PDB file of N, CA and C in Angstrom:
ATOM      1  N   GLY A   1       0.778  -1.190   0.000  1.00  0.00           N
ATOM      2  CA  GLY A   1       0.000   0.000   0.000  1.00  0.00           C
ATOM      3  C   GLY A   1       0.826   1.263   0.000  1.00  0.00           C
ATOM      4  N   PHE A   2       2.157   1.190   0.188  1.00  0.00           N
ATOM      5  CA  PHE A   2       2.976   2.394   0.224  1.00  0.00           C
ATOM      6  C   PHE A   2       3.182   2.986  -1.166  1.00  0.00           C
ATOM      7  N   ALA A   3       3.340   2.143  -2.185  1.00  0.00           N
ATOM      8  CA  ALA A   3       3.691   2.606  -3.522  1.00  0.00           C
ATOM      9  C   ALA A   3       2.475   2.950  -4.375  1.00  0.00           C
ATOM     10  N   GLY A   4       1.299   2.603  -3.936  1.00  0.00           N
ATOM     11  CA  GLY A   4       0.105   2.872  -4.721  1.00  0.00           C
ATOM     12  C   GLY A   4      -1.126   2.466  -3.964  1.00  0.00           C
ATOM     13  N   PRO A   5      -2.296   2.677  -4.549  1.00  0.00           N
ATOM     14  CA  PRO A   5      -3.540   2.322  -3.868  1.00  0.00           C
ATOM     15  C   PRO A   5      -3.685   0.814  -3.683  1.00  0.00           C
ATOM     16  N   LEU A   6      -4.283   0.441  -2.584  1.00  0.00           N
ATOM     17  CA  LEU A   6      -4.522  -0.968  -2.288  1.00  0.00           C
ATOM     18  C   LEU A   6      -5.708  -1.451  -3.112  1.00  0.00           C
ATOM     19  N   GLN A   7      -5.463  -2.410  -3.994  1.00  0.00           N
ATOM     20  CA  GLN A   7      -6.524  -2.946  -4.849  1.00  0.00           C
ATOM     21  C   GLN A   7      -6.982  -4.320  -4.392  1.00  0.00           C
ATOM     22  N   SER A   8      -6.032  -5.159  -3.960  1.00  0.00           N
ATOM     23  CA  SER A   8      -6.428  -6.495  -3.510  1.00  0.00           C
ATOM     24  C   SER A   8      -5.395  -7.051  -2.537  1.00  0.00           C
ATOM     25  N   VAL A   9      -5.883  -7.857  -1.605  1.00  0.00           N
ATOM     26  CA  VAL A   9      -5.041  -8.592  -0.671  1.00  0.00           C
ATOM     27  C   VAL A   9      -5.536 -10.028  -0.707  1.00  0.00           C
ATOM     28  N   LYS A  10      -4.630 -10.952  -1.041  1.00  0.00           N
ATOM     29  CA  LYS A  10      -5.008 -12.360  -1.149  1.00  0.00           C
ATOM     30  C   LYS A  10      -4.031 -13.219  -0.356  1.00  0.00           C
ATOM     31  N   GLY A  11      -4.531 -14.326   0.132  1.00  0.00           N
ATOM     32  CA  GLY A  11      -3.703 -15.330   0.782  1.00  0.00           C
ATOM     33  C   GLY A  11      -3.633 -16.549  -0.115  1.00  0.00           C
ATOM     34  N   LYS A  12      -2.468 -17.183  -0.162  1.00  0.00           N
ATOM     35  CA  LYS A  12      -2.274 -18.364  -1.009  1.00  0.00           C
ATOM     36  C   LYS A  12      -1.655 -19.464  -0.163  1.00  0.00           C
ATOM     37  N   VAL A  13      -2.191 -20.673  -0.274  1.00  0.00           N
ATOM     38  CA  VAL A  13      -1.667 -21.847   0.412  1.00  0.00           C
ATOM     39  C   VAL A  13      -1.365 -22.898  -0.643  1.00  0.00           C
ATOM     40  N   VAL A  14      -0.150 -23.461  -0.589  1.00  0.00           N
ATOM     41  CA  VAL A  14       0.258 -24.497  -1.537  1.00  0.00           C
ATOM     42  C   VAL A  14       0.759 -25.696  -0.742  1.00  0.00           C
ATOM     43  N   LEU A  15       0.155 -26.863  -0.980  1.00  0.00           N
ATOM     44  CA  LEU A  15       0.577 -28.110  -0.364  1.00  0.00           C
ATOM     45  C   LEU A  15       1.436 -28.854  -1.374  1.00  0.00           C
ATOM     46  N   LYS A  16       2.674 -29.204  -0.950  1.00  0.00           N
ATOM     47  CA  LYS A  16       3.601 -29.909  -1.838  1.00  0.00           C
ATOM     48  C   LYS A  16       4.031 -31.217  -1.197  1.00  0.00           C
ATOM     49  N   GLY A  17       4.264 -32.207  -2.045  1.00  0.00           N
ATOM     50  CA  GLY A  17       4.787 -33.478  -1.576  1.00  0.00           C
ATOM     51  C   GLY A  17       6.257 -33.356  -1.252  1.00  0.00           C
ATOM     52  N   ALA A  18       6.834 -34.408  -0.675  1.00  0.00           N
ATOM     53  CA  ALA A  18       8.252 -34.408  -0.315  1.00  0.00           C
ATOM     54  C   ALA A  18       9.138 -34.183  -1.538  1.00  0.00           C
ATOM     55  N   ASP A  19       8.643 -34.534  -2.716  1.00  0.00           N
ATOM     56  CA  ASP A  19       9.400 -34.353  -3.961  1.00  0.00           C
ATOM     57  C   ASP A  19       9.243 -32.950  -4.551  1.00  0.00           C
ATOM     58  N   GLY A  20       8.467 -32.075  -3.884  1.00  0.00           N
ATOM     59  CA  GLY A  20       8.265 -30.707  -4.364  1.00  0.00           C
ATOM     60  C   GLY A  20       7.093 -30.543  -5.318  1.00  0.00           C
ATOM     61  N   ARG A  21       6.441 -31.642  -5.660  1.00  0.00           N
ATOM     62  CA  ARG A  21       5.290 -31.598  -6.577  1.00  0.00           C
ATOM     63  C   ARG A  21       4.086 -30.966  -5.881  1.00  0.00           C
ATOM     64  N   VAL A  22       3.431 -30.019  -6.569  1.00  0.00           N
ATOM     65  CA  VAL A  22       2.254 -29.356  -6.009  1.00  0.00           C
ATOM     66  C   VAL A  22       1.083 -30.336  -5.994  1.00  0.00           C
ATOM     67  N   ILE A  23       0.490 -30.518  -4.821  1.00  0.00           N
ATOM     68  CA  ILE A  23      -0.659 -31.404  -4.656  1.00  0.00           C
ATOM     69  C   ILE A  23      -1.957 -30.613  -4.684  1.00  0.00           C
ATOM     70  N   ARG A  24      -1.944 -29.464  -4.026  1.00  0.00           N
ATOM     71  CA  ARG A  24      -3.150 -28.643  -3.957  1.00  0.00           C
ATOM     72  C   ARG A  24      -2.756 -27.191  -3.734  1.00  0.00           C
ATOM     73  N   GLU A  25      -3.518 -26.284  -4.342  1.00  0.00           N
ATOM     74  CA  GLU A  25      -3.256 -24.852  -4.214  1.00  0.00           C
ATOM     75  C   GLU A  25      -4.594 -24.137  -4.016  1.00  0.00           C
ATOM     76  N   LEU A  26      -4.592 -23.177  -3.116  1.00  0.00           N
ATOM     77  CA  LEU A  26      -5.806 -22.423  -2.824  1.00  0.00           C
ATOM     78  C   LEU A  26      -5.440 -20.954  -2.668  1.00  0.00           C
ATOM     79  N   VAL A  27      -6.171 -20.082  -3.363  1.00  0.00           N
ATOM     80  CA  VAL A  27      -5.980 -18.637  -3.257  1.00  0.00           C
ATOM     81  C   VAL A  27      -7.335 -18.026  -2.918  1.00  0.00           C
ATOM     82  N   LYS A  28      -7.345 -17.102  -1.952  1.00  0.00           N
ATOM     83  CA  LYS A  28      -8.607 -16.441  -1.621  1.00  0.00           C
ATOM     84  C   LYS A  28      -8.348 -15.029  -1.126  1.00  0.00           C
ATOM     85  N   ASP A  29      -9.359 -14.199  -1.223  1.00  0.00           N
ATOM     86  CA  ASP A  29      -9.270 -12.825  -0.750  1.00  0.00           C
ATOM     87  C   ASP A  29      -9.148 -12.797   0.761  1.00  0.00           C
ATOM     88  N   VAL A  30      -8.308 -11.898   1.268  1.00  0.00           N
ATOM     89  CA  VAL A  30      -8.162 -11.682   2.704  1.00  0.00           C
ATOM     90  C   VAL A  30      -9.185 -10.631   3.104  1.00  0.00           C
ATOM     91  N   GLN A  31      -9.840 -10.847   4.220  1.00  0.00           N
ATOM     92  CA  GLN A  31     -10.909  -9.965   4.675  1.00  0.00           C
ATOM     93  C   GLN A  31     -10.383  -8.912   5.654  1.00  0.00           C
ATOM     94  N   VAL A  32     -10.978  -7.724   5.606  1.00  0.00           N
ATOM     95  CA  VAL A  32     -10.669  -6.690   6.590  1.00  0.00           C
ATOM     96  C   VAL A  32     -11.189  -7.158   7.938  1.00  0.00           C
ATOM     97  N   SER A  33     -10.368  -7.038   8.971  1.00  0.00           N
ATOM     98  CA  SER A  33     -10.750  -7.477  10.303  1.00  0.00           C
ATOM     99  C   SER A  33     -11.774  -6.520  10.905  1.00  0.00           C
ATOM    100  N   THR A  34     -12.835  -7.094  11.441  1.00  0.00           N
ATOM    101  CA  THR A  34     -13.849  -6.302  12.130  1.00  0.00           C
ATOM    102  C   THR A  34     -14.047  -6.852  13.543  1.00  0.00           C
ATOM    103  N   ALA A  35     -12.973  -7.406  14.112  1.00  0.00           N
ATOM    104  CA  ALA A  35     -13.068  -8.032  15.429  1.00  0.00           C
ATOM    105  C   ALA A  35     -13.529  -7.059  16.504  1.00  0.00           C
ATOM    106  N   GLN A  36     -13.182  -5.793  16.387  1.00  0.00           N
ATOM    107  CA  GLN A  36     -13.580  -4.791  17.372  1.00  0.00           C
ATOM    108  C   GLN A  36     -14.882  -4.106  16.972  1.00  0.00           C
ATOM    109  N   GLY A  37     -15.492  -4.544  15.881  1.00  0.00           N
ATOM    110  CA  GLY A  37     -16.733  -3.933  15.426  1.00  0.00           C
ATOM    111  C   GLY A  37     -16.499  -2.780  14.460  1.00  0.00           C
ATOM    112  N   TYR A  38     -15.261  -2.510  14.129  1.00  0.00           N
ATOM    113  CA  TYR A  38     -14.946  -1.458  13.176  1.00  0.00           C
ATOM    114  C   TYR A  38     -13.684  -1.869  12.404  1.00  0.00           C
ATOM    115  N   SER A  39     -13.498  -1.290  11.258  1.00  0.00           N
ATOM    116  CA  SER A  39     -12.329  -1.585  10.444  1.00  0.00           C
ATOM    117  C   SER A  39     -11.172  -0.695  10.877  1.00  0.00           C
ATOM    118  N   SER A  40     -10.073  -1.313  11.279  1.00  0.00           N
ATOM    119  CA  SER A  40      -8.913  -0.544  11.737  1.00  0.00           C
ATOM    120  C   SER A  40      -7.741  -0.650  10.777  1.00  0.00           C
ATOM    121  N   GLY A  41      -7.971  -1.198   9.577  1.00  0.00           N
ATOM    122  CA  GLY A  41      -6.886  -1.395   8.629  1.00  0.00           C
ATOM    123  C   GLY A  41      -6.187  -2.723   8.812  1.00  0.00           C
ATOM    124  N   ASP A  42      -6.654  -3.552   9.752  1.00  0.00           N
ATOM    125  CA  ASP A  42      -6.088  -4.882   9.962  1.00  0.00           C
ATOM    126  C   ASP A  42      -6.794  -5.880   9.059  1.00  0.00           C
ATOM    127  N   PHE A  43      -6.063  -6.918   8.672  1.00  0.00           N
ATOM    128  CA  PHE A  43      -6.622  -7.977   7.849  1.00  0.00           C
ATOM    129  C   PHE A  43      -6.441  -9.299   8.565  1.00  0.00           C
ATOM    130  N   GLU A  44      -7.334 -10.223   8.301  1.00  0.00           N
ATOM    131  CA  GLU A  44      -7.210 -11.567   8.856  1.00  0.00           C
ATOM    132  C   GLU A  44      -7.698 -12.561   7.826  1.00  0.00           C
ATOM    133  N   ASN A  45      -7.192 -13.788   7.935  1.00  0.00           N
ATOM    134  CA  ASN A  45      -7.547 -14.801   6.961  1.00  0.00           C
ATOM    135  C   ASN A  45      -7.467 -16.171   7.606  1.00  0.00           C
ATOM    136  N   SER A  46      -8.261 -17.079   7.118  1.00  0.00           N
ATOM    137  CA  SER A  46      -8.190 -18.465   7.552  1.00  0.00           C
ATOM    138  C   SER A  46      -8.523 -19.354   6.355  1.00  0.00           C
ATOM    139  N   PHE A  47      -7.968 -20.542   6.370  1.00  0.00           N
ATOM    140  CA  PHE A  47      -8.217 -21.518   5.313  1.00  0.00           C
ATOM    141  C   PHE A  47      -8.748 -22.786   5.949  1.00  0.00           C
ATOM    142  N   ASN A  48      -9.770 -23.340   5.367  1.00  0.00           N
ATOM    143  CA  ASN A  48     -10.301 -24.639   5.767  1.00  0.00           C
ATOM    144  C   ASN A  48     -10.396 -25.495   4.524  1.00  0.00           C
ATOM    145  N   TRP A  49      -9.684 -26.626   4.523  1.00  0.00           N
ATOM    146  CA  TRP A  49      -9.771 -27.548   3.404  1.00  0.00           C
ATOM    147  C   TRP A  49      -9.304 -28.912   3.861  1.00  0.00           C
ATOM    148  N   LYS A  50      -9.718 -29.913   3.135  1.00  0.00           N
ATOM    149  CA  LYS A  50      -9.364 -31.289   3.463  1.00  0.00           C
ATOM    150  C   LYS A  50      -8.242 -31.750   2.541  1.00  0.00           C
ATOM    151  N   PHE A  51      -7.404 -32.610   3.069  1.00  0.00           N
ATOM    152  CA  PHE A  51      -6.396 -33.226   2.228  1.00  0.00           C
ATOM    153  C   PHE A  51      -7.101 -34.065   1.168  1.00  0.00           C
ATOM    154  N   PRO A  52      -6.594 -34.087  -0.050  1.00  0.00           N
ATOM    155  CA  PRO A  52      -7.175 -34.960  -1.075  1.00  0.00           C
ATOM    156  C   PRO A  52      -7.099 -36.419  -0.621  1.00  0.00           C
ATOM    157  N   ALA A  53      -8.066 -37.229  -1.028  1.00  0.00           N
ATOM    158  CA  ALA A  53      -8.109 -38.639  -0.620  1.00  0.00           C
ATOM    159  C   ALA A  53      -6.865 -39.398  -1.078  1.00  0.00           C
ATOM    160  N   SER A  54      -6.218 -38.936  -2.130  1.00  0.00           N
ATOM    161  CA  SER A  54      -5.050 -39.623  -2.673  1.00  0.00           C
ATOM    162  C   SER A  54      -3.777 -39.394  -1.859  1.00  0.00           C
ATOM    163  N   VAL A  55      -3.826 -38.495  -0.878  1.00  0.00           N
ATOM    164  CA  VAL A  55      -2.639 -38.181  -0.078  1.00  0.00           C
ATOM    165  C   VAL A  55      -2.450 -39.255   0.992  1.00  0.00           C
ATOM    166  N   SER A  56      -1.224 -39.781   1.070  1.00  0.00           N
ATOM    167  CA  SER A  56      -0.927 -40.811   2.065  1.00  0.00           C
ATOM    168  C   SER A  56      -0.171 -40.201   3.246  1.00  0.00           C
ATOM    169  N   LYS A  57       0.010 -41.000   4.284  1.00  0.00           N
ATOM    170  CA  LYS A  57       0.753 -40.548   5.455  1.00  0.00           C
ATOM    171  C   LYS A  57       2.161 -40.160   5.035  1.00  0.00           C
ATOM    172  N   GLY A  58       2.717 -39.164   5.726  1.00  0.00           N
ATOM    173  CA  GLY A  58       4.086 -38.754   5.431  1.00  0.00           C
ATOM    174  C   GLY A  58       4.283 -37.277   5.670  1.00  0.00           C
ATOM    175  N   GLN A  59       5.427 -36.765   5.218  1.00  0.00           N
ATOM    176  CA  GLN A  59       5.756 -35.362   5.393  1.00  0.00           C
ATOM    177  C   GLN A  59       5.445 -34.577   4.124  1.00  0.00           C
ATOM    178  N   TYR A  60       4.960 -33.356   4.331  1.00  0.00           N
ATOM    179  CA  TYR A  60       4.586 -32.469   3.234  1.00  0.00           C
ATOM    180  C   TYR A  60       5.073 -31.067   3.551  1.00  0.00           C
ATOM    181  N   LEU A  61       5.198 -30.259   2.517  1.00  0.00           N
ATOM    182  CA  LEU A  61       5.587 -28.872   2.670  1.00  0.00           C
ATOM    183  C   LEU A  61       4.363 -28.006   2.458  1.00  0.00           C
ATOM    184  N   LEU A  62       4.101 -27.095   3.376  1.00  0.00           N
ATOM    185  CA  LEU A  62       2.986 -26.172   3.278  1.00  0.00           C
ATOM    186  C   LEU A  62       3.555 -24.765   3.119  1.00  0.00           C
ATOM    187  N   ASP A  63       3.367 -24.191   1.942  1.00  0.00           N
ATOM    188  CA  ASP A  63       3.823 -22.828   1.657  1.00  0.00           C
ATOM    189  C   ASP A  63       2.640 -21.887   1.743  1.00  0.00           C
ATOM    190  N   THR A  64       2.830 -20.740   2.388  1.00  0.00           N
ATOM    191  CA  THR A  64       1.808 -19.703   2.419  1.00  0.00           C
ATOM    192  C   THR A  64       2.419 -18.417   1.882  1.00  0.00           C
ATOM    193  N   GLU A  65       1.595 -17.640   1.179  1.00  0.00           N
ATOM    194  CA  GLU A  65       2.041 -16.372   0.618  1.00  0.00           C
ATOM    195  C   GLU A  65       0.982 -15.311   0.852  1.00  0.00           C
ATOM    196  N   LEU A  66       1.426 -14.077   1.017  1.00  0.00           N
ATOM    197  CA  LEU A  66       0.537 -12.929   1.080  1.00  0.00           C
ATOM    198  C   LEU A  66       0.775 -12.122  -0.188  1.00  0.00           C
ATOM    199  N   LEU A  67      -0.280 -11.907  -0.957  1.00  0.00           N
ATOM    200  CA  LEU A  67      -0.201 -11.188  -2.224  1.00  0.00           C
ATOM    201  C   LEU A  67      -0.937  -9.862  -2.100  1.00  0.00           C
ATOM    202  N   VAL A  68      -0.249  -8.767  -2.345  1.00  0.00           N
ATOM    203  CA  VAL A  68      -0.858  -7.438  -2.324  1.00  0.00           C
ATOM    204  C   VAL A  68      -0.775  -6.885  -3.739  1.00  0.00           C
ATOM    205  N   ASN A  69      -1.927  -6.562  -4.280  1.00  0.00           N
ATOM    206  CA  ASN A  69      -2.022  -6.085  -5.667  1.00  0.00           C
ATOM    207  C   ASN A  69      -1.333  -7.051  -6.628  1.00  0.00           C
ATOM    208  N   GLY A  70      -1.459  -8.359  -6.340  1.00  0.00           N
ATOM    209  CA  GLY A  70      -0.915  -9.393  -7.218  1.00  0.00           C
ATOM    210  C   GLY A  70       0.552  -9.709  -7.022  1.00  0.00           C
ATOM    211  N   LYS A  71       1.239  -9.018  -6.113  1.00  0.00           N
ATOM    212  CA  LYS A  71       2.660  -9.253  -5.885  1.00  0.00           C
ATOM    213  C   LYS A  71       2.888  -9.882  -4.522  1.00  0.00           C
ATOM    214  N   LYS A  72       3.777 -10.882  -4.468  1.00  0.00           N
ATOM    215  CA  LYS A  72       4.092 -11.541  -3.206  1.00  0.00           C
ATOM    216  C   LYS A  72       4.872 -10.585  -2.311  1.00  0.00           C
ATOM    217  N   VAL A  73       4.348 -10.333  -1.100  1.00  0.00           N
ATOM    218  CA  VAL A  73       5.015  -9.437  -0.157  1.00  0.00           C
ATOM    219  C   VAL A  73       5.497 -10.169   1.097  1.00  0.00           C
ATOM    220  N   ALA A  74       5.013 -11.389   1.315  1.00  0.00           N
ATOM    221  CA  ALA A  74       5.446 -12.182   2.470  1.00  0.00           C
ATOM    222  C   ALA A  74       5.171 -13.650   2.170  1.00  0.00           C
ATOM    223  N   ASN A  75       5.982 -14.515   2.766  1.00  0.00           N
ATOM    224  CA  ASN A  75       5.746 -15.946   2.601  1.00  0.00           C
ATOM    225  C   ASN A  75       6.293 -16.698   3.806  1.00  0.00           C
ATOM    226  N   ASN A  76       5.859 -17.939   3.932  1.00  0.00           N
ATOM    227  CA  ASN A  76       6.285 -18.801   5.021  1.00  0.00           C
ATOM    228  C   ASN A  76       6.194 -20.234   4.524  1.00  0.00           C
ATOM    229  N   SER A  77       7.140 -21.065   4.906  1.00  0.00           N
ATOM    230  CA  SER A  77       7.119 -22.486   4.564  1.00  0.00           C
ATOM    231  C   SER A  77       7.235 -23.289   5.838  1.00  0.00           C
ATOM    232  N   ARG A  78       6.505 -24.383   5.879  1.00  0.00           N
ATOM    233  CA  ARG A  78       6.494 -25.214   7.076  1.00  0.00           C
ATOM    234  C   ARG A  78       6.330 -26.675   6.645  1.00  0.00           C
ATOM    235  N   THR A  79       7.092 -27.541   7.268  1.00  0.00           N
ATOM    236  CA  THR A  79       6.926 -28.974   7.035  1.00  0.00           C
ATOM    237  C   THR A  79       5.864 -29.493   7.981  1.00  0.00           C
ATOM    238  N   ILE A  80       4.928 -30.257   7.438  1.00  0.00           N
ATOM    239  CA  ILE A  80       3.884 -30.857   8.266  1.00  0.00           C
ATOM    240  C   ILE A  80       3.915 -32.367   8.065  1.00  0.00           C
ATOM    241  N   THR A  81       3.453 -33.088   9.065  1.00  0.00           N
ATOM    242  CA  THR A  81       3.420 -34.546   8.986  1.00  0.00           C
ATOM    243  C   THR A  81       1.977 -35.013   9.110  1.00  0.00           C
ATOM    244  N   LEU A  82       1.539 -35.795   8.141  1.00  0.00           N
ATOM    245  CA  LEU A  82       0.199 -36.378   8.151  1.00  0.00           C
ATOM    246  C   LEU A  82       0.314 -37.802   8.694  1.00  0.00           C
ATOM    247  N   ILE A  83      -0.397 -38.060   9.803  1.00  0.00           N
ATOM    248  CA  ILE A  83      -0.327 -39.383  10.414  1.00  0.00           C
ATOM    249  C   ILE A  83      -1.677 -40.036  10.450  1.00  0.00           C
TER     250      ILE A  83
END
């Protein structure tokens, strides 16, 4: 938002197998937070989805990205274990 007007804020989640192959990807709009009953310029997001039935037990990589006006401004990667 510093370099121009804020047009969109999206969150992206990518589930990858141990080999780096993308298994599932989800992108959605991030909502303005109204936790206090008013908009304070804060955003919050949550994702709910099920692992595909074809996914077996093991370790996977979960990448998350924050996209502002279509450009990645933050990301995080985490290894998760499905048991």
